[in-house]
């Protein structure tokens, strides 16, 4: 059993900052890519940022230069530092990780989502 638990969402004014965290727990053997997706009301879920096990990062064009993804391998945790937030960043943010357990090979796991609301 693997769980991804997110924290750090909330309400912030335009131009403000938030830091999201997502910790993976369970019978984890290894974690490959970790990342964040988001889904705004009436929209499809979209990629925000990913980070590989070697530390390579990938960002959506809309967040480049404002968001930074990082991970703490020892803690099985991924972070998303969000600066210069805009109302368009308002969405539910979902953590994602490709995890191999002691019982099965790697597959995708998702967190429950955390709400980020940016007021104008």
C-alpha atoms as a PDB file:
ATOM      1  CA  UNK A   1       0.000   0.000   0.000  1.00  0.00           C
ATOM      2  CA  UNK A   2       1.369   3.387  -1.037  1.00  0.00           C
ATOM      3  CA  UNK A   3       0.020   6.760  -0.023  1.00  0.00           C
ATOM      4  CA  UNK A   4       0.810  10.242  -1.256  1.00  0.00           C
ATOM      5  CA  UNK A   5      -0.145  12.950   1.213  1.00  0.00           C
ATOM      6  CA  UNK A   6      -0.126  16.571   0.100  1.00  0.00           C
ATOM      7  CA  UNK A   7      -0.036  19.715   2.179  1.00  0.00           C
ATOM      8  CA  UNK A   8       0.517  23.429   1.779  1.00  0.00           C
ATOM      9  CA  UNK A   9      -2.434  24.595  -0.289  1.00  0.00           C
ATOM     10  CA  UNK A  10      -4.562  27.575   0.642  1.00  0.00           C
ATOM     11  CA  UNK A  11      -5.701  31.067  -0.237  1.00  0.00           C
ATOM     12  CA  UNK A  12      -3.176  33.691  -1.280  1.00  0.00           C
ATOM     13  CA  UNK A  13      -3.299  37.092  -2.956  1.00  0.00           C
ATOM     14  CA  UNK A  14      -2.028  37.647  -6.463  1.00  0.00           C
ATOM     15  CA  UNK A  15       1.752  37.989  -6.410  1.00  0.00           C
ATOM     16  CA  UNK A  16       2.082  35.875  -3.301  1.00  0.00           C
ATOM     17  CA  UNK A  17       3.791  32.553  -2.697  1.00  0.00           C
ATOM     18  CA  UNK A  18       2.908  29.068  -1.512  1.00  0.00           C
ATOM     19  CA  UNK A  19       4.895  25.883  -1.026  1.00  0.00           C
ATOM     20  CA  UNK A  20       3.286  22.524  -1.620  1.00  0.00           C
ATOM     21  CA  UNK A  21       4.662  19.292  -0.176  1.00  0.00           C
ATOM     22  CA  UNK A  22       3.869  15.693  -0.993  1.00  0.00           C
ATOM     23  CA  UNK A  23       5.198  12.775   1.040  1.00  0.00           C
ATOM     24  CA  UNK A  24       5.071   9.190  -0.185  1.00  0.00           C
ATOM     25  CA  UNK A  25       4.817   6.358   2.322  1.00  0.00           C
ATOM     26  CA  UNK A  26       4.330   2.606   2.326  1.00  0.00           C
ATOM     27  CA  UNK A  27       6.274  -0.403   1.101  1.00  0.00           C
ATOM     28  CA  UNK A  28       8.358   1.647  -1.309  1.00  0.00           C
ATOM     29  CA  UNK A  29      11.234   0.053  -3.148  1.00  0.00           C
ATOM     30  CA  UNK A  30      12.070   2.965  -5.434  1.00  0.00           C
ATOM     31  CA  UNK A  31      10.593   6.206  -6.783  1.00  0.00           C
ATOM     32  CA  UNK A  32      11.214   7.330 -10.330  1.00  0.00           C
ATOM     33  CA  UNK A  33       9.566  10.518 -11.574  1.00  0.00           C
ATOM     34  CA  UNK A  34       7.619  12.725  -9.171  1.00  0.00           C
ATOM     35  CA  UNK A  35       5.563  15.726 -10.110  1.00  0.00           C
ATOM     36  CA  UNK A  36       2.604  18.006  -9.845  1.00  0.00           C
ATOM     37  CA  UNK A  37      -0.487  18.367 -11.992  1.00  0.00           C
ATOM     38  CA  UNK A  38      -3.395  20.749 -11.567  1.00  0.00           C
ATOM     39  CA  UNK A  39      -7.027  20.922 -12.547  1.00  0.00           C
ATOM     40  CA  UNK A  40      -9.097  24.086 -12.653  1.00  0.00           C
ATOM     41  CA  UNK A  41     -12.912  23.986 -12.676  1.00  0.00           C
ATOM     42  CA  UNK A  42     -14.189  23.013 -16.106  1.00  0.00           C
ATOM     43  CA  UNK A  43     -10.706  22.193 -17.367  1.00  0.00           C
ATOM     44  CA  UNK A  44      -8.678  19.054 -17.906  1.00  0.00           C
ATOM     45  CA  UNK A  45      -5.872  18.067 -15.591  1.00  0.00           C
ATOM     46  CA  UNK A  46      -2.604  19.555 -16.830  1.00  0.00           C
ATOM     47  CA  UNK A  47       1.061  19.069 -16.121  1.00  0.00           C
ATOM     48  CA  UNK A  48       2.711  21.657 -13.890  1.00  0.00           C
ATOM     49  CA  UNK A  49       6.174  20.238 -13.260  1.00  0.00           C
ATOM     50  CA  UNK A  50       8.041  16.953 -12.946  1.00  0.00           C
ATOM     51  CA  UNK A  51      11.386  15.884 -11.521  1.00  0.00           C
ATOM     52  CA  UNK A  52      13.211  12.664 -12.322  1.00  0.00           C
ATOM     53  CA  UNK A  53      15.143  10.466  -9.925  1.00  0.00           C
ATOM     54  CA  UNK A  54      18.344  12.091 -11.202  1.00  0.00           C
ATOM     55  CA  UNK A  55      16.989  15.590 -10.608  1.00  0.00           C
ATOM     56  CA  UNK A  56      16.087  16.600 -14.145  1.00  0.00           C
ATOM     57  CA  UNK A  57      13.123  18.942 -14.183  1.00  0.00           C
ATOM     58  CA  UNK A  58      10.378  19.808 -16.635  1.00  0.00           C
ATOM     59  CA  UNK A  59       7.910  22.692 -16.396  1.00  0.00           C
ATOM     60  CA  UNK A  60       4.768  23.836 -18.140  1.00  0.00           C
ATOM     61  CA  UNK A  61       5.433  27.054 -20.073  1.00  0.00           C
ATOM     62  CA  UNK A  62       2.848  28.866 -17.974  1.00  0.00           C
ATOM     63  CA  UNK A  63       4.843  28.377 -14.750  1.00  0.00           C
ATOM     64  CA  UNK A  64       8.448  28.619 -15.957  1.00  0.00           C
ATOM     65  CA  UNK A  65      10.395  31.167 -13.974  1.00  0.00           C
ATOM     66  CA  UNK A  66       7.773  31.276 -11.214  1.00  0.00           C
ATOM     67  CA  UNK A  67       7.534  27.708  -9.890  1.00  0.00           C
ATOM     68  CA  UNK A  68      10.357  25.455  -8.707  1.00  0.00           C
ATOM     69  CA  UNK A  69      10.063  21.713  -8.166  1.00  0.00           C
ATOM     70  CA  UNK A  70      12.458  19.844  -5.891  1.00  0.00           C
ATOM     71  CA  UNK A  71      12.622  16.562  -4.039  1.00  0.00           C
ATOM     72  CA  UNK A  72      14.140  15.068  -0.910  1.00  0.00           C
ATOM     73  CA  UNK A  73      14.996  11.492  -1.792  1.00  0.00           C
ATOM     74  CA  UNK A  74      15.648  10.468   1.798  1.00  0.00           C
ATOM     75  CA  UNK A  75      12.169  11.648   2.817  1.00  0.00           C
ATOM     76  CA  UNK A  76      10.367  10.431  -0.343  1.00  0.00           C
ATOM     77  CA  UNK A  77       8.995  13.949  -0.637  1.00  0.00           C
ATOM     78  CA  UNK A  78       8.486  16.326  -3.534  1.00  0.00           C
ATOM     79  CA  UNK A  79       7.977  20.067  -3.191  1.00  0.00           C
ATOM     80  CA  UNK A  80       6.564  22.798  -5.376  1.00  0.00           C
ATOM     81  CA  UNK A  81       7.593  26.355  -4.556  1.00  0.00           C
ATOM     82  CA  UNK A  82       5.137  28.709  -6.238  1.00  0.00           C
ATOM     83  CA  UNK A  83       6.045  32.399  -6.488  1.00  0.00           C
ATOM     84  CA  UNK A  84       4.401  35.338  -8.244  1.00  0.00           C
ATOM     85  CA  UNK A  85       1.092  33.533  -8.157  1.00  0.00           C
ATOM     86  CA  UNK A  86      -1.677  34.619 -10.503  1.00  0.00           C
ATOM     87  CA  UNK A  87      -5.444  34.065 -10.394  1.00  0.00           C
ATOM     88  CA  UNK A  88      -4.999  31.686 -13.366  1.00  0.00           C
ATOM     89  CA  UNK A  89      -2.992  29.406 -11.056  1.00  0.00           C
ATOM     90  CA  UNK A  90      -6.152  28.684  -9.065  1.00  0.00           C
ATOM     91  CA  UNK A  91      -6.780  24.948  -9.209  1.00  0.00           C
ATOM     92  CA  UNK A  92      -6.641  21.696  -7.308  1.00  0.00           C
ATOM     93  CA  UNK A  93      -3.019  20.551  -7.336  1.00  0.00           C
ATOM     94  CA  UNK A  94      -2.307  16.823  -7.461  1.00  0.00           C
ATOM     95  CA  UNK A  95       0.921  15.132  -6.534  1.00  0.00           C
ATOM     96  CA  UNK A  96       2.067  12.239  -8.700  1.00  0.00           C
ATOM     97  CA  UNK A  97       4.818   9.662  -8.357  1.00  0.00           C
ATOM     98  CA  UNK A  98       5.980   6.600 -10.259  1.00  0.00           C
ATOM     99  CA  UNK A  99       6.679   4.096  -7.508  1.00  0.00           C
ATOM    100  CA  UNK A 100       7.892   0.505  -7.376  1.00  0.00           C
ATOM    101  CA  UNK A 101       6.982  -1.384  -4.237  1.00  0.00           C
ATOM    102  CA  UNK A 102       8.361  -4.554  -2.770  1.00  0.00           C
ATOM    103  CA  UNK A 103       5.274  -6.303  -4.221  1.00  0.00           C
ATOM    104  CA  UNK A 104       4.952  -4.908  -7.720  1.00  0.00           C
ATOM    105  CA  UNK A 105       6.791  -3.032 -10.427  1.00  0.00           C
ATOM    106  CA  UNK A 106       6.545   0.713 -10.892  1.00  0.00           C
ATOM    107  CA  UNK A 107       3.211   2.338 -11.540  1.00  0.00           C
ATOM    108  CA  UNK A 108       1.680   5.783 -11.080  1.00  0.00           C
ATOM    109  CA  UNK A 109       0.232   6.906  -7.774  1.00  0.00           C
ATOM    110  CA  UNK A 110      -1.730  10.087  -7.096  1.00  0.00           C
ATOM    111  CA  UNK A 111      -2.391  12.226  -4.074  1.00  0.00           C
ATOM    112  CA  UNK A 112      -5.850  13.372  -3.019  1.00  0.00           C
ATOM    113  CA  UNK A 113      -5.321  16.940  -4.220  1.00  0.00           C
ATOM    114  CA  UNK A 114      -4.885  20.249  -2.442  1.00  0.00           C
ATOM    115  CA  UNK A 115      -6.740  23.454  -3.304  1.00  0.00           C
ATOM    116  CA  UNK A 116      -4.786  26.548  -4.296  1.00  0.00           C
ATOM    117  CA  UNK A 117      -6.799  29.745  -4.664  1.00  0.00           C
ATOM    118  CA  UNK A 118      -5.230  32.997  -5.827  1.00  0.00           C
ATOM    119  CA  UNK A 119      -7.312  36.122  -5.351  1.00  0.00           C
ATOM    120  CA  UNK A 120      -6.907  39.191  -7.540  1.00  0.00           C
END
